[in-house]
Each structure stands twice: as structure tokens, then as C-alpha cells.
Amino acid sequence: MATATEIVSMKTMEGVSKEDFFRIVDALETNFHAKQPGFIDSELLHDEKSDEWFMIQHWDSLDNMRSASKKMFHNPVTESFVNSINPKTVKMIMLPRMGAWSRETV
């Protein structure tokens, strides 16, 4: 089983502040993603210039990642997140890891 990475870019709906979105994503990660089989970790990034958000998640497999992604839009726990993003701006990439390097391995 190869580790998989999901990269999602998105913009929020008008009127959603950075602070509100951070709290919404914190709840999503704590109450949904962290409870899904195969979830490893997640990070949230924000580009001030474009006002675009990026989520990077790591999973133990593409299958578990895809399964969680399908469940996300049918779970009441994720409703605040789904309603806070502009669906027209969402771009999602799911890829298997081909290699990894860290300070400890180089």
C-alpha cells in the first residue's frame, strides 16, 4: 500500500473570514478526517495574494483517500465546510507517493 497525497485548492464563499474558515477546517479535520480509516495528517495553507486556500492531506492509500472524499459530501459533520467553500473554485488532485526525502533520510 503506497502513501497517497491529496492537494485541494479552493476559495471561500464571500463573507467567510480567514478566522472563521480556520475554525471550520479545524472542526472538519478533528471531527471528520481524523476519524477516517487511513488518515495520516493534514495541513492548511493560505495565499494572501490570490486569497486561495490549499489543503494537503496524507493517507495510507488512494482507496482510503477516495472513500473519505466520497463520504465527505454526505455527512452532517462536514456541512459547515462544504457550505463555506465556493464549489466553482475547488480543484482536487489525488496522487500516490513515488518517493520521499527528509533531513533524517538524506
PDB file of N, CA and C in Angstrom:
ATOM      1  N   MET A   1       0.838  -1.182   0.000  1.00  0.00           N
ATOM      2  CA  MET A   1       0.000   0.000   0.000  1.00  0.00           C
ATOM      3  C   MET A   1       0.887   1.251   0.000  1.00  0.00           C
ATOM      4  N   ALA A   2       0.732   2.091  -1.015  1.00  0.00           N
ATOM      5  CA  ALA A   2       1.540   3.309  -1.110  1.00  0.00           C
ATOM      6  C   ALA A   2       0.816   4.484  -0.465  1.00  0.00           C
ATOM      7  N   THR A   3       1.575   5.292   0.256  1.00  0.00           N
ATOM      8  CA  THR A   3       1.013   6.517   0.829  1.00  0.00           C
ATOM      9  C   THR A   3       0.521   7.394  -0.310  1.00  0.00           C
ATOM     10  N   ALA A   4      -0.562   8.117  -0.067  1.00  0.00           N
ATOM     11  CA  ALA A   4      -1.155   8.979  -1.084  1.00  0.00           C
ATOM     12  C   ALA A   4      -1.325  10.387  -0.529  1.00  0.00           C
ATOM     13  N   THR A   5      -1.259  11.359  -1.439  1.00  0.00           N
ATOM     14  CA  THR A   5      -1.403  12.760  -1.072  1.00  0.00           C
ATOM     15  C   THR A   5      -2.554  13.364  -1.856  1.00  0.00           C
ATOM     16  N   GLU A   6      -3.346  14.148  -1.155  1.00  0.00           N
ATOM     17  CA  GLU A   6      -4.435  14.900  -1.786  1.00  0.00           C
ATOM     18  C   GLU A   6      -4.109  16.382  -1.629  1.00  0.00           C
ATOM     19  N   ILE A   7      -4.172  17.098  -2.737  1.00  0.00           N
ATOM     20  CA  ILE A   7      -3.956  18.539  -2.725  1.00  0.00           C
ATOM     21  C   ILE A   7      -5.226  19.184  -3.250  1.00  0.00           C
ATOM     22  N   VAL A   8      -5.822  20.031  -2.427  1.00  0.00           N
ATOM     23  CA  VAL A   8      -7.072  20.694  -2.804  1.00  0.00           C
ATOM     24  C   VAL A   8      -6.856  22.198  -2.714  1.00  0.00           C
ATOM     25  N   SER A   9      -7.220  22.906  -3.782  1.00  0.00           N
ATOM     26  CA  SER A   9      -7.206  24.368  -3.734  1.00  0.00           C
ATOM     27  C   SER A   9      -8.646  24.844  -3.823  1.00  0.00           C
ATOM     28  N   MET A  10      -8.925  25.965  -3.155  1.00  0.00           N
ATOM     29  CA  MET A  10     -10.296  26.473  -3.117  1.00  0.00           C
ATOM     30  C   MET A  10     -10.314  27.914  -2.631  1.00  0.00           C
ATOM     31  N   LYS A  11     -11.414  28.565  -2.879  1.00  0.00           N
ATOM     32  CA  LYS A  11     -11.682  29.875  -2.302  1.00  0.00           C
ATOM     33  C   LYS A  11     -12.952  29.750  -1.475  1.00  0.00           C
ATOM     34  N   THR A  12     -13.058  30.593  -0.470  1.00  0.00           N
ATOM     35  CA  THR A  12     -14.245  30.550   0.383  1.00  0.00           C
ATOM     36  C   THR A  12     -15.360  31.382  -0.235  1.00  0.00           C
ATOM     37  N   MET A  13     -16.542  31.154   0.256  1.00  0.00           N
ATOM     38  CA  MET A  13     -17.691  31.959  -0.149  1.00  0.00           C
ATOM     39  C   MET A  13     -17.494  33.375   0.393  1.00  0.00           C
ATOM     40  N   GLU A  14     -18.056  34.334  -0.288  1.00  0.00           N
ATOM     41  CA  GLU A  14     -17.955  35.721   0.151  1.00  0.00           C
ATOM     42  C   GLU A  14     -18.505  35.854   1.570  1.00  0.00           C
ATOM     43  N   GLY A  15     -17.799  36.601   2.391  1.00  0.00           N
ATOM     44  CA  GLY A  15     -18.239  36.832   3.765  1.00  0.00           C
ATOM     45  C   GLY A  15     -17.645  35.888   4.792  1.00  0.00           C
ATOM     46  N   VAL A  16     -16.932  34.839   4.340  1.00  0.00           N
ATOM     47  CA  VAL A  16     -16.294  33.909   5.275  1.00  0.00           C
ATOM     48  C   VAL A  16     -14.896  34.452   5.579  1.00  0.00           C
ATOM     49  N   SER A  17     -14.666  34.828   6.826  1.00  0.00           N
ATOM     50  CA  SER A  17     -13.367  35.393   7.217  1.00  0.00           C
ATOM     51  C   SER A  17     -12.310  34.290   7.321  1.00  0.00           C
ATOM     52  N   LYS A  18     -11.048  34.703   7.305  1.00  0.00           N
ATOM     53  CA  LYS A  18      -9.955  33.740   7.469  1.00  0.00           C
ATOM     54  C   LYS A  18     -10.080  33.019   8.803  1.00  0.00           C
ATOM     55  N   GLU A  19     -10.416  33.768   9.850  1.00  0.00           N
ATOM     56  CA  GLU A  19     -10.543  33.171  11.177  1.00  0.00           C
ATOM     57  C   GLU A  19     -11.669  32.148  11.213  1.00  0.00           C
ATOM     58  N   ASP A  20     -12.808  32.500  10.609  1.00  0.00           N
ATOM     59  CA  ASP A  20     -13.936  31.566  10.569  1.00  0.00           C
ATOM     60  C   ASP A  20     -13.569  30.309   9.785  1.00  0.00           C
ATOM     61  N   PHE A  21     -12.920  30.494   8.635  1.00  0.00           N
ATOM     62  CA  PHE A  21     -12.568  29.340   7.817  1.00  0.00           C
ATOM     63  C   PHE A  21     -11.578  28.439   8.547  1.00  0.00           C
ATOM     64  N   PHE A  22     -10.621  29.031   9.244  1.00  0.00           N
ATOM     65  CA  PHE A  22      -9.678  28.230  10.015  1.00  0.00           C
ATOM     66  C   PHE A  22     -10.417  27.380  11.047  1.00  0.00           C
ATOM     67  N   ARG A  23     -11.368  27.964  11.750  1.00  0.00           N
ATOM     68  CA  ARG A  23     -12.145  27.213  12.750  1.00  0.00           C
ATOM     69  C   ARG A  23     -12.972  26.101  12.085  1.00  0.00           C
ATOM     70  N   ILE A  24     -13.539  26.405  10.920  1.00  0.00           N
ATOM     71  CA  ILE A  24     -14.330  25.405  10.190  1.00  0.00           C
ATOM     72  C   ILE A  24     -13.450  24.230   9.770  1.00  0.00           C
ATOM     73  N   VAL A  25     -12.261  24.531   9.249  1.00  0.00           N
ATOM     74  CA  VAL A  25     -11.349  23.465   8.828  1.00  0.00           C
ATOM     75  C   VAL A  25     -10.840  22.683  10.036  1.00  0.00           C
ATOM     76  N   ASP A  26     -10.572  23.358  11.133  1.00  0.00           N
ATOM     77  CA  ASP A  26     -10.150  22.668  12.352  1.00  0.00           C
ATOM     78  C   ASP A  26     -11.212  21.654  12.776  1.00  0.00           C
ATOM     79  N   ALA A  27     -12.470  22.046  12.741  1.00  0.00           N
ATOM     80  CA  ALA A  27     -13.558  21.131  13.099  1.00  0.00           C
ATOM     81  C   ALA A  27     -13.658  19.982  12.092  1.00  0.00           C
ATOM     82  N   LEU A  28     -13.488  20.279  10.811  1.00  0.00           N
ATOM     83  CA  LEU A  28     -13.524  19.244   9.769  1.00  0.00           C
ATOM     84  C   LEU A  28     -12.427  18.206   9.997  1.00  0.00           C
ATOM     85  N   GLU A  29     -11.218  18.674  10.259  1.00  0.00           N
ATOM     86  CA  GLU A  29     -10.104  17.753  10.439  1.00  0.00           C
ATOM     87  C   GLU A  29     -10.244  16.943  11.722  1.00  0.00           C
ATOM     88  N   THR A  30     -10.686  17.595  12.791  1.00  0.00           N
ATOM     89  CA  THR A  30     -10.825  16.927  14.089  1.00  0.00           C
ATOM     90  C   THR A  30     -12.002  15.958  14.120  1.00  0.00           C
ATOM     91  N   ASN A  31     -13.129  16.379  13.572  1.00  0.00           N
ATOM     92  CA  ASN A  31     -14.366  15.604  13.713  1.00  0.00           C
ATOM     93  C   ASN A  31     -14.698  14.705  12.531  1.00  0.00           C
ATOM     94  N   PHE A  32     -13.991  14.880  11.419  1.00  0.00           N
ATOM     95  CA  PHE A  32     -14.270  14.019  10.265  1.00  0.00           C
ATOM     96  C   PHE A  32     -13.008  13.302   9.772  1.00  0.00           C
ATOM     97  N   HIS A  33     -12.069  14.045   9.187  1.00  0.00           N
ATOM     98  CA  HIS A  33     -10.917  13.383   8.568  1.00  0.00           C
ATOM     99  C   HIS A  33     -10.122  12.526   9.552  1.00  0.00           C
ATOM    100  N   ALA A  34      -9.861  13.024  10.735  1.00  0.00           N
ATOM    101  CA  ALA A  34      -9.068  12.270  11.705  1.00  0.00           C
ATOM    102  C   ALA A  34      -9.727  10.951  12.104  1.00  0.00           C
ATOM    103  N   LYS A  35     -11.020  10.824  11.858  1.00  0.00           N
ATOM    104  CA  LYS A  35     -11.752   9.607  12.220  1.00  0.00           C
ATOM    105  C   LYS A  35     -11.896   8.636  11.050  1.00  0.00           C
ATOM    106  N   GLN A  36     -11.370   9.016   9.887  1.00  0.00           N
ATOM    107  CA  GLN A  36     -11.482   8.160   8.707  1.00  0.00           C
ATOM    108  C   GLN A  36     -10.317   7.171   8.651  1.00  0.00           C
ATOM    109  N   PRO A  37     -10.606   5.947   8.216  1.00  0.00           N
ATOM    110  CA  PRO A  37      -9.523   4.956   8.093  1.00  0.00           C
ATOM    111  C   PRO A  37      -8.443   5.445   7.135  1.00  0.00           C
ATOM    112  N   GLY A  38      -7.196   5.311   7.559  1.00  0.00           N
ATOM    113  CA  GLY A  38      -6.077   5.630   6.688  1.00  0.00           C
ATOM    114  C   GLY A  38      -5.594   7.069   6.724  1.00  0.00           C
ATOM    115  N   PHE A  39      -6.300   7.942   7.461  1.00  0.00           N
ATOM    116  CA  PHE A  39      -5.874   9.336   7.536  1.00  0.00           C
ATOM    117  C   PHE A  39      -4.557   9.427   8.299  1.00  0.00           C
ATOM    118  N   ILE A  40      -3.596  10.193   7.749  1.00  0.00           N
ATOM    119  CA  ILE A  40      -2.300  10.374   8.406  1.00  0.00           C
ATOM    120  C   ILE A  40      -2.195  11.782   8.977  1.00  0.00           C
ATOM    121  N   ASP A  41      -2.273  12.783   8.101  1.00  0.00           N
ATOM    122  CA  ASP A  41      -2.178  14.166   8.574  1.00  0.00           C
ATOM    123  C   ASP A  41      -2.700  15.124   7.509  1.00  0.00           C
ATOM    124  N   SER A  42      -2.794  16.378   7.911  1.00  0.00           N
ATOM    125  CA  SER A  42      -3.348  17.398   7.028  1.00  0.00           C
ATOM    126  C   SER A  42      -2.713  18.733   7.370  1.00  0.00           C
ATOM    127  N   GLU A  43      -2.604  19.604   6.375  1.00  0.00           N
ATOM    128  CA  GLU A  43      -2.167  20.969   6.645  1.00  0.00           C
ATOM    129  C   GLU A  43      -2.971  21.931   5.789  1.00  0.00           C
ATOM    130  N   LEU A  44      -3.110  23.147   6.289  1.00  0.00           N
ATOM    131  CA  LEU A  44      -3.882  24.193   5.625  1.00  0.00           C
ATOM    132  C   LEU A  44      -2.956  25.356   5.324  1.00  0.00           C
ATOM    133  N   LEU A  45      -3.006  25.829   4.084  1.00  0.00           N
ATOM    134  CA  LEU A  45      -2.171  26.943   3.645  1.00  0.00           C
ATOM    135  C   LEU A  45      -3.063  28.016   3.030  1.00  0.00           C
ATOM    136  N   HIS A  46      -2.602  29.259   3.072  1.00  0.00           N
ATOM    137  CA  HIS A  46      -3.384  30.358   2.504  1.00  0.00           C
ATOM    138  C   HIS A  46      -2.472  31.283   1.723  1.00  0.00           C
ATOM    139  N   ASP A  47      -2.860  31.599   0.494  1.00  0.00           N
ATOM    140  CA  ASP A  47      -2.133  32.554  -0.340  1.00  0.00           C
ATOM    141  C   ASP A  47      -2.835  33.901  -0.231  1.00  0.00           C
ATOM    142  N   GLU A  48      -2.214  34.821   0.472  1.00  0.00           N
ATOM    143  CA  GLU A  48      -2.799  36.152   0.696  1.00  0.00           C
ATOM    144  C   GLU A  48      -3.085  36.870  -0.620  1.00  0.00           C
ATOM    145  N   LYS A  49      -2.175  36.745  -1.573  1.00  0.00           N
ATOM    146  CA  LYS A  49      -2.295  37.480  -2.834  1.00  0.00           C
ATOM    147  C   LYS A  49      -3.550  37.070  -3.621  1.00  0.00           C
ATOM    148  N   SER A  50      -3.790  35.782  -3.745  1.00  0.00           N
ATOM    149  CA  SER A  50      -4.939  35.290  -4.510  1.00  0.00           C
ATOM    150  C   SER A  50      -6.149  34.981  -3.636  1.00  0.00           C
ATOM    151  N   ASP A  51      -5.964  35.040  -2.311  1.00  0.00           N
ATOM    152  CA  ASP A  51      -6.989  34.672  -1.338  1.00  0.00           C
ATOM    153  C   ASP A  51      -7.465  33.230  -1.557  1.00  0.00           C
ATOM    154  N   GLU A  52      -6.519  32.379  -1.934  1.00  0.00           N
ATOM    155  CA  GLU A  52      -6.817  30.980  -2.194  1.00  0.00           C
ATOM    156  C   GLU A  52      -6.280  30.120  -1.059  1.00  0.00           C
ATOM    157  N   TRP A  53      -7.049  29.098  -0.712  1.00  0.00           N
ATOM    158  CA  TRP A  53      -6.671  28.149   0.338  1.00  0.00           C
ATOM    159  C   TRP A  53      -6.206  26.850  -0.298  1.00  0.00           C
ATOM    160  N   PHE A  54      -5.296  26.180   0.390  1.00  0.00           N
ATOM    161  CA  PHE A  54      -4.790  24.885  -0.048  1.00  0.00           C
ATOM    162  C   PHE A  54      -4.796  23.932   1.144  1.00  0.00           C
ATOM    163  N   MET A  55      -5.305  22.738   0.922  1.00  0.00           N
ATOM    164  CA  MET A  55      -5.242  21.682   1.937  1.00  0.00           C
ATOM    165  C   MET A  55      -4.395  20.568   1.359  1.00  0.00           C
ATOM    166  N   ILE A  56      -3.471  20.086   2.165  1.00  0.00           N
ATOM    167  CA  ILE A  56      -2.636  18.958   1.773  1.00  0.00           C
ATOM    168  C   ILE A  56      -2.866  17.868   2.810  1.00  0.00           C
ATOM    169  N   GLN A  57      -3.293  16.717   2.331  1.00  0.00           N
ATOM    170  CA  GLN A  57      -3.568  15.601   3.236  1.00  0.00           C
ATOM    171  C   GLN A  57      -2.763  14.392   2.801  1.00  0.00           C
ATOM    172  N   HIS A  58      -2.362  13.614   3.786  1.00  0.00           N
ATOM    173  CA  HIS A  58      -1.675  12.359   3.520  1.00  0.00           C
ATOM    174  C   HIS A  58      -2.524  11.207   4.053  1.00  0.00           C
ATOM    175  N   TRP A  59      -2.588  10.162   3.259  1.00  0.00           N
ATOM    176  CA  TRP A  59      -3.389   8.979   3.571  1.00  0.00           C
ATOM    177  C   TRP A  59      -2.532   7.735   3.371  1.00  0.00           C
ATOM    178  N   ASP A  60      -2.946   6.645   3.980  1.00  0.00           N
ATOM    179  CA  ASP A  60      -2.172   5.414   3.836  1.00  0.00           C
ATOM    180  C   ASP A  60      -2.400   4.725   2.496  1.00  0.00           C
ATOM    181  N   SER A  61      -3.442   5.150   1.749  1.00  0.00           N
ATOM    182  CA  SER A  61      -3.699   4.565   0.429  1.00  0.00           C
ATOM    183  C   SER A  61      -4.641   5.459  -0.367  1.00  0.00           C
ATOM    184  N   LEU A  62      -4.586   5.310  -1.684  1.00  0.00           N
ATOM    185  CA  LEU A  62      -5.532   6.026  -2.547  1.00  0.00           C
ATOM    186  C   LEU A  62      -6.967   5.582  -2.267  1.00  0.00           C
ATOM    187  N   ASP A  63      -7.157   4.296  -1.982  1.00  0.00           N
ATOM    188  CA  ASP A  63      -8.508   3.787  -1.721  1.00  0.00           C
ATOM    189  C   ASP A  63      -9.135   4.463  -0.499  1.00  0.00           C
ATOM    190  N   ASN A  64      -8.388   4.557   0.598  1.00  0.00           N
ATOM    191  CA  ASN A  64      -8.924   5.212   1.798  1.00  0.00           C
ATOM    192  C   ASN A  64      -9.169   6.698   1.555  1.00  0.00           C
ATOM    193  N   MET A  65      -8.287   7.328   0.805  1.00  0.00           N
ATOM    194  CA  MET A  65      -8.462   8.741   0.487  1.00  0.00           C
ATOM    195  C   MET A  65      -9.742   8.949  -0.325  1.00  0.00           C
ATOM    196  N   ARG A  66      -9.935   8.152  -1.344  1.00  0.00           N
ATOM    197  CA  ARG A  66     -11.129   8.280  -2.186  1.00  0.00           C
ATOM    198  C   ARG A  66     -12.399   7.970  -1.413  1.00  0.00           C
ATOM    199  N   SER A  67     -12.342   7.001  -0.540  1.00  0.00           N
ATOM    200  CA  SER A  67     -13.506   6.648   0.270  1.00  0.00           C
ATOM    201  C   SER A  67     -13.915   7.816   1.170  1.00  0.00           C
ATOM    202  N   ALA A  68     -12.949   8.432   1.831  1.00  0.00           N
ATOM    203  CA  ALA A  68     -13.245   9.578   2.702  1.00  0.00           C
ATOM    204  C   ALA A  68     -13.788  10.749   1.899  1.00  0.00           C
ATOM    205  N   SER A  69     -13.236  10.953   0.722  1.00  0.00           N
ATOM    206  CA  SER A  69     -13.683  12.054  -0.128  1.00  0.00           C
ATOM    207  C   SER A  69     -15.152  11.877  -0.526  1.00  0.00           C
ATOM    208  N   LYS A  70     -15.545  10.654  -0.834  1.00  0.00           N
ATOM    209  CA  LYS A  70     -16.944  10.377  -1.192  1.00  0.00           C
ATOM    210  C   LYS A  70     -17.871  10.596  -0.002  1.00  0.00           C
ATOM    211  N   LYS A  71     -17.448  10.167   1.176  1.00  0.00           N
ATOM    212  CA  LYS A  71     -18.261  10.304   2.389  1.00  0.00           C
ATOM    213  C   LYS A  71     -18.444  11.761   2.803  1.00  0.00           C
ATOM    214  N   MET A  72     -17.463  12.594   2.477  1.00  0.00           N
ATOM    215  CA  MET A  72     -17.436  13.965   2.973  1.00  0.00           C
ATOM    216  C   MET A  72     -18.675  14.763   2.588  1.00  0.00           C
ATOM    217  N   PHE A  73     -19.205  14.543   1.412  1.00  0.00           N
ATOM    218  CA  PHE A  73     -20.329  15.347   0.950  1.00  0.00           C
ATOM    219  C   PHE A  73     -21.682  14.769   1.367  1.00  0.00           C
ATOM    220  N   HIS A  74     -21.651  13.719   2.175  1.00  0.00           N
ATOM    221  CA  HIS A  74     -22.889  13.093   2.658  1.00  0.00           C
ATOM    222  C   HIS A  74     -22.885  12.936   4.168  1.00  0.00           C
ATOM    223  N   ASN A  75     -22.135  13.783   4.857  1.00  0.00           N
ATOM    224  CA  ASN A  75     -22.013  13.669   6.303  1.00  0.00           C
ATOM    225  C   ASN A  75     -22.344  15.012   6.949  1.00  0.00           C
ATOM    226  N   PRO A  76     -23.256  15.042   7.909  1.00  0.00           N
ATOM    227  CA  PRO A  76     -23.632  16.312   8.535  1.00  0.00           C
ATOM    228  C   PRO A  76     -22.477  17.026   9.245  1.00  0.00           C
ATOM    229  N   VAL A  77     -21.455  16.289   9.658  1.00  0.00           N
ATOM    230  CA  VAL A  77     -20.300  16.883  10.337  1.00  0.00           C
ATOM    231  C   VAL A  77     -19.535  17.825   9.398  1.00  0.00           C
ATOM    232  N   THR A  78     -19.609  17.573   8.102  1.00  0.00           N
ATOM    233  CA  THR A  78     -18.841  18.347   7.124  1.00  0.00           C
ATOM    234  C   THR A  78     -19.628  19.507   6.517  1.00  0.00           C
ATOM    235  N   GLU A  79     -20.868  19.662   6.914  1.00  0.00           N
ATOM    236  CA  GLU A  79     -21.760  20.650   6.297  1.00  0.00           C
ATOM    237  C   GLU A  79     -21.216  22.084   6.358  1.00  0.00           C
ATOM    238  N   SER A  80     -20.667  22.504   7.480  1.00  0.00           N
ATOM    239  CA  SER A  80     -20.130  23.866   7.595  1.00  0.00           C
ATOM    240  C   SER A  80     -19.005  24.093   6.596  1.00  0.00           C
ATOM    241  N   PHE A  81     -18.133  23.100   6.440  1.00  0.00           N
ATOM    242  CA  PHE A  81     -17.044  23.228   5.482  1.00  0.00           C
ATOM    243  C   PHE A  81     -17.586  23.315   4.059  1.00  0.00           C
ATOM    244  N   VAL A  82     -18.441  22.393   3.693  1.00  0.00           N
ATOM    245  CA  VAL A  82     -18.995  22.363   2.339  1.00  0.00           C
ATOM    246  C   VAL A  82     -19.690  23.681   2.012  1.00  0.00           C
ATOM    247  N   ASN A  83     -20.419  24.235   2.973  1.00  0.00           N
ATOM    248  CA  ASN A  83     -21.146  25.492   2.736  1.00  0.00           C
ATOM    249  C   ASN A  83     -20.230  26.718   2.727  1.00  0.00           C
ATOM    250  N   SER A  84     -19.021  26.589   3.232  1.00  0.00           N
ATOM    251  CA  SER A  84     -18.119  27.746   3.316  1.00  0.00           C
ATOM    252  C   SER A  84     -17.228  27.906   2.086  1.00  0.00           C
ATOM    253  N   ILE A  85     -17.168  26.888   1.228  1.00  0.00           N
ATOM    254  CA  ILE A  85     -16.299  26.978   0.053  1.00  0.00           C
ATOM    255  C   ILE A  85     -17.108  27.236  -1.216  1.00  0.00           C
ATOM    256  N   ASN A  86     -16.476  27.950  -2.136  1.00  0.00           N
ATOM    257  CA  ASN A  86     -17.091  28.212  -3.434  1.00  0.00           C
ATOM    258  C   ASN A  86     -16.818  26.999  -4.319  1.00  0.00           C
ATOM    259  N   PRO A  87     -17.845  26.203  -4.641  1.00  0.00           N
ATOM    260  CA  PRO A  87     -17.608  24.958  -5.380  1.00  0.00           C
ATOM    261  C   PRO A  87     -16.995  25.171  -6.763  1.00  0.00           C
ATOM    262  N   LYS A  88     -17.196  26.333  -7.346  1.00  0.00           N
ATOM    263  CA  LYS A  88     -16.636  26.608  -8.670  1.00  0.00           C
ATOM    264  C   LYS A  88     -15.119  26.766  -8.638  1.00  0.00           C
ATOM    265  N   THR A  89     -14.545  26.969  -7.453  1.00  0.00           N
ATOM    266  CA  THR A  89     -13.099  27.202  -7.337  1.00  0.00           C
ATOM    267  C   THR A  89     -12.320  25.979  -6.878  1.00  0.00           C
ATOM    268  N   VAL A  90     -13.011  24.910  -6.558  1.00  0.00           N
ATOM    269  CA  VAL A  90     -12.341  23.727  -5.989  1.00  0.00           C
ATOM    270  C   VAL A  90     -11.612  22.939  -7.081  1.00  0.00           C
ATOM    271  N   LYS A  91     -10.337  22.684  -6.814  1.00  0.00           N
ATOM    272  CA  LYS A  91      -9.519  21.835  -7.676  1.00  0.00           C
ATOM    273  C   LYS A  91      -8.875  20.791  -6.779  1.00  0.00           C
ATOM    274  N   MET A  92      -8.984  19.534  -7.181  1.00  0.00           N
ATOM    275  CA  MET A  92      -8.516  18.443  -6.340  1.00  0.00           C
ATOM    276  C   MET A  92      -7.580  17.533  -7.138  1.00  0.00           C
ATOM    277  N   ILE A  93      -6.465  17.188  -6.526  1.00  0.00           N
ATOM    278  CA  ILE A  93      -5.510  16.254  -7.124  1.00  0.00           C
ATOM    279  C   ILE A  93      -5.247  15.159  -6.099  1.00  0.00           C
ATOM    280  N   MET A  94      -5.329  13.900  -6.529  1.00  0.00           N
ATOM    281  CA  MET A  94      -5.028  12.752  -5.674  1.00  0.00           C
ATOM    282  C   MET A  94      -3.930  11.945  -6.343  1.00  0.00           C
ATOM    283  N   LEU A  95      -2.813  11.784  -5.646  1.00  0.00           N
ATOM    284  CA  LEU A  95      -1.659  11.134  -6.249  1.00  0.00           C
ATOM    285  C   LEU A  95      -0.987  10.155  -5.286  1.00  0.00           C
ATOM    286  N   PRO A  96      -0.476   9.028  -5.808  1.00  0.00           N
ATOM    287  CA  PRO A  96       0.306   8.121  -4.962  1.00  0.00           C
ATOM    288  C   PRO A  96       1.721   8.671  -4.782  1.00  0.00           C
ATOM    289  N   ARG A  97       2.317   8.413  -3.643  1.00  0.00           N
ATOM    290  CA  ARG A  97       3.691   8.849  -3.384  1.00  0.00           C
ATOM    291  C   ARG A  97       4.659   7.966  -4.165  1.00  0.00           C
ATOM    292  N   MET A  98       5.580   8.617  -4.836  1.00  0.00           N
ATOM    293  CA  MET A  98       6.590   7.903  -5.610  1.00  0.00           C
ATOM    294  C   MET A  98       7.935   7.895  -4.892  1.00  0.00           C
ATOM    295  N   GLY A  99       8.128   8.825  -3.974  1.00  0.00           N
ATOM    296  CA  GLY A  99       9.366   8.894  -3.211  1.00  0.00           C
ATOM    297  C   GLY A  99       9.211   9.970  -2.150  1.00  0.00           C
ATOM    298  N   ALA A 100      10.053   9.925  -1.138  1.00  0.00           N
ATOM    299  CA  ALA A 100      10.011  10.922  -0.077  1.00  0.00           C
ATOM    300  C   ALA A 100      11.401  11.096   0.512  1.00  0.00           C
ATOM    301  N   TRP A 101      11.725  12.329   0.862  1.00  0.00           N
ATOM    302  CA  TRP A 101      13.013  12.639   1.456  1.00  0.00           C
ATOM    303  C   TRP A 101      12.787  13.517   2.677  1.00  0.00           C
ATOM    304  N   SER A 102      13.630  13.374   3.648  1.00  0.00           N
ATOM    305  CA  SER A 102      13.581  14.217   4.834  1.00  0.00           C
ATOM    306  C   SER A 102      15.009  14.394   5.321  1.00  0.00           C
ATOM    307  N   ARG A 103      15.186  15.265   6.243  1.00  0.00           N
ATOM    308  CA  ARG A 103      16.516  15.517   6.813  1.00  0.00           C
ATOM    309  C   ARG A 103      17.114  14.222   7.371  1.00  0.00           C
ATOM    310  N   GLU A 104      16.253  13.369   7.938  1.00  0.00           N
ATOM    311  CA  GLU A 104      16.723  12.119   8.549  1.00  0.00           C
ATOM    312  C   GLU A 104      17.155  11.088   7.516  1.00  0.00           C
ATOM    313  N   THR A 105      16.616  11.159   6.277  1.00  0.00           N
ATOM    314  CA  THR A 105      16.929  10.137   5.282  1.00  0.00           C
ATOM    315  C   THR A 105      17.982  10.561   4.277  1.00  0.00           C
ATOM    316  N   VAL A 106      18.388  11.831   4.313  1.00  0.00           N
ATOM    317  CA  VAL A 106      19.357  12.308   3.318  1.00  0.00           C
ATOM    318  C   VAL A 106      20.752  12.303   3.925  1.00  0.00           C
TER     319      VAL A 106
END
